[in-house]
Protein backbone atom coordinates (compact mmCIF):
# COMPACT_ATOMS: atom_id res chain seq x y z
CA MET A 1 18.18 -12.25 -8.52
CA PHE A 2 17.13 -11.51 -4.82
CA GLU A 3 18.35 -7.98 -5.10
CA ILE A 4 15.76 -7.51 -7.81
CA LEU A 5 13.02 -8.88 -5.99
CA MET A 6 13.78 -7.13 -2.97
CA TYR A 7 13.97 -3.83 -5.29
CA LEU A 8 10.63 -4.50 -6.65
CA PHE A 9 9.03 -5.13 -3.26
CA GLU A 10 10.35 -1.94 -2.02
CA SER A 11 9.52 0.09 -5.70
CA TYR A 12 6.06 -1.41 -6.25
CA PHE A 13 4.30 -2.77 -2.91
CA ASP A 14 2.25 0.46 -2.50
CA VAL A 15 1.21 0.31 -6.33
CA GLY A 16 0.07 -3.18 -5.65
CA SER A 17 1.90 -4.51 -8.79
CA TYR A 18 4.92 -3.89 -10.83
CA PRO A 19 5.13 -2.83 -14.25
CA GLU A 20 4.73 -5.33 -17.39
CA PRO A 21 8.02 -6.77 -18.55
CA ASP A 22 9.38 -4.43 -21.41
CA LYS A 23 9.04 -1.58 -19.23
CA LEU A 24 10.10 -3.49 -16.12
CA SER A 25 13.18 -4.44 -18.13
CA ARG A 26 13.90 -0.85 -18.89
CA LYS A 27 13.68 0.65 -15.16
CA LEU A 28 15.71 -2.51 -13.80
CA SER A 29 18.53 -1.64 -16.25
CA ALA A 30 18.30 1.96 -15.51
CA ALA A 31 18.79 1.27 -11.66
CA GLY A 32 21.85 -0.82 -12.49
CA PHE A 33 20.97 -4.39 -12.47
CA GLU A 34 22.74 -6.58 -15.47
CA ASP A 35 20.93 -8.08 -18.29
CA GLU A 36 21.29 -11.30 -17.23
CA GLU A 37 20.11 -10.80 -14.05
CA ILE A 38 17.18 -9.24 -15.34
CA SER A 39 16.36 -11.85 -17.94
CA ASP A 40 16.07 -14.39 -14.88
CA ALA A 41 14.34 -12.40 -12.90
CA LEU A 42 11.79 -11.69 -15.76
CA THR A 43 11.32 -15.48 -16.39
CA TRP A 44 11.09 -15.96 -12.75
CA LEU A 45 8.45 -13.26 -12.18
CA THR A 46 6.75 -14.37 -15.84
CA ALA A 47 6.01 -17.99 -13.86
CA LEU A 48 5.09 -16.26 -10.37
CA ARG A 49 2.41 -14.75 -12.80
CA GLN A 50 1.21 -17.75 -13.76
CA GLN A 51 0.28 -18.94 -10.21
CA ASN A 52 -3.18 -18.11 -10.94
CA PRO A 53 -6.55 -19.95 -9.81
CA GLU A 54 -6.83 -21.19 -13.75
CA ASN A 55 -3.60 -22.99 -12.63
CA TYR A 56 -3.70 -24.10 -8.84
CA PRO A 57 -6.75 -24.94 -7.04
CA ASP A 58 -8.47 -22.69 -4.30
CA SER A 59 -7.25 -25.14 -1.41
CA LEU A 60 -5.67 -28.39 -1.01
CA GLU A 61 -7.68 -31.06 1.31
CA HIS A 62 -5.28 -32.82 3.61
CA ALA A 63 -4.85 -34.41 6.95
CA GLY A 64 -1.11 -35.25 6.77
CA LEU A 65 1.88 -34.30 6.60
CA ARG A 66 3.81 -32.69 3.91
CA HIS A 67 7.20 -35.15 2.65
CA PHE A 68 9.62 -33.19 0.82
CA ALA A 69 10.63 -34.60 -2.72
CA GLY A 70 14.70 -35.36 -2.98
CA LEU A 71 14.78 -32.60 -5.21
CA GLU A 72 13.00 -30.15 -2.60
CA LEU A 73 15.59 -31.51 -0.06
CA GLN A 74 18.14 -30.82 -2.32
CA ARG A 75 17.43 -27.35 -3.08
CA ILE A 76 15.57 -25.83 -0.05
CA GLY A 77 17.84 -25.86 3.21
CA TYR A 78 16.55 -27.49 6.46
CA GLU A 79 15.70 -23.85 8.17
CA ALA A 80 13.53 -23.14 5.18
CA ARG A 81 11.97 -26.07 5.12
CA GLN A 82 10.95 -25.65 8.81
CA PHE A 83 10.01 -22.17 8.41
CA LEU A 84 7.46 -23.13 5.44
CA LEU A 85 6.26 -25.87 7.51
CA PHE A 86 5.81 -23.56 10.57
CA ALA A 87 4.26 -20.99 8.30
CA GLU A 88 1.39 -23.35 7.22
CA GLN A 89 0.65 -24.55 10.64
CA GLN A 90 0.51 -21.07 12.07
CA HIS A 91 -1.89 -20.31 8.87
CA MET A 92 0.31 -17.63 7.69
CA ILE A 93 0.01 -19.44 4.12
CA SER A 94 -2.32 -22.14 2.80
CA ALA A 95 -1.31 -25.27 1.87
CA VAL A 96 -1.73 -24.26 -2.23
CA GLU A 97 0.49 -21.17 -1.51
CA ARG A 98 3.15 -23.44 0.49
CA GLU A 99 2.98 -25.52 -2.78
CA MET A 100 3.77 -22.11 -5.06
CA ILE A 101 6.72 -21.02 -2.69
CA ILE A 102 8.17 -24.56 -3.21
CA ASP A 103 7.94 -24.32 -7.02
CA ARG A 104 9.36 -20.70 -7.14
CA ALA A 105 12.13 -21.70 -4.84
CA ILE A 106 13.02 -24.88 -6.99
CA ALA A 107 13.11 -22.67 -10.17
CA LEU A 108 16.12 -21.00 -8.90
CA GLN A 109 17.89 -24.11 -9.22
CA TYR A 110 19.64 -23.24 -5.86
CA GLU A 111 21.36 -25.86 -3.66
CA ASN A 112 20.30 -25.51 -0.11
CA LEU A 113 18.27 -22.32 -0.32
CA ALA A 114 18.57 -20.25 2.65
CA LEU A 115 16.01 -19.04 4.78
CA ASP A 116 16.27 -15.52 4.26
CA LYS A 117 15.77 -16.21 0.35
CA LEU A 118 12.50 -18.36 0.99
CA LYS A 119 11.21 -15.61 3.31
CA LEU A 120 12.02 -13.27 0.07
CA ILE A 121 10.08 -15.85 -2.14
CA MET A 122 7.31 -16.30 0.16
CA LEU A 123 6.80 -12.49 0.19
CA MET A 124 6.76 -12.40 -3.71
CA VAL A 125 4.14 -14.91 -3.95
CA LEU A 126 1.90 -13.77 -1.15
CA TRP A 127 2.18 -10.40 -2.76
CA ASN A 128 1.35 -11.67 -6.40
CA ARG A 129 -2.04 -13.50 -5.01
CA HIS A 130 -3.08 -10.84 -2.15
CA GLN A 131 -3.82 -7.15 -2.45
CA ASP A 132 -3.90 -6.46 1.22
CA LEU A 133 -0.72 -8.29 3.23
CA ASP A 134 -0.74 -8.18 6.82
CA PRO A 135 1.88 -5.81 7.94
CA LEU A 136 2.99 -8.22 10.64
CA LEU A 137 3.55 -11.01 7.84
CA ILE A 138 5.63 -8.26 6.04
CA GLU A 139 7.51 -7.72 8.86
CA GLU A 140 8.49 -11.12 10.00
CA LEU A 141 9.32 -12.09 6.13
CA LEU A 142 11.82 -8.73 6.10
CA THR A 143 13.29 -9.35 9.67
CA PRO A 144 16.97 -9.97 9.28
CA LEU A 145 17.64 -13.36 10.53
CA ASN A 146 19.97 -12.49 13.87
CA SER A 147 17.63 -9.58 14.76
CA ALA A 148 16.95 -11.60 17.89
CA GLN A 149 20.47 -11.47 18.57
CA LEU A 150 20.57 -7.76 18.22
CA HIS A 151 18.60 -7.00 21.13
């Protein structure tokens, strides 16, 4: 499914949004993705689109730390959780966006979700919420994990 998410971002970012589910399903099938993978991605994307102002508050007022529930600890890997908290502390994401990202990560039902996968989820959530994404943020979220070792 992550291949589909990356395909959507690469193909439709300049347009601002991806097509409606029926049209998108045909386009993904024509691009060579499997029916089951397309179905899973469309279900996930439908829930992503439901993360709108009617379903989430504008902000979360808190002065404490975010503790992860047992299921969140199981589903989201340590590095990914640390990056998520770092992103919030650095004001890359809001507390509400953090919760949206956690929701979409948990929905995948993966065990120990890796940082690169979480970054792609983060990118999709932010793209869904904002018209204009900071190019530096996009670069950070798309940079391979080992790129620092290449220099």
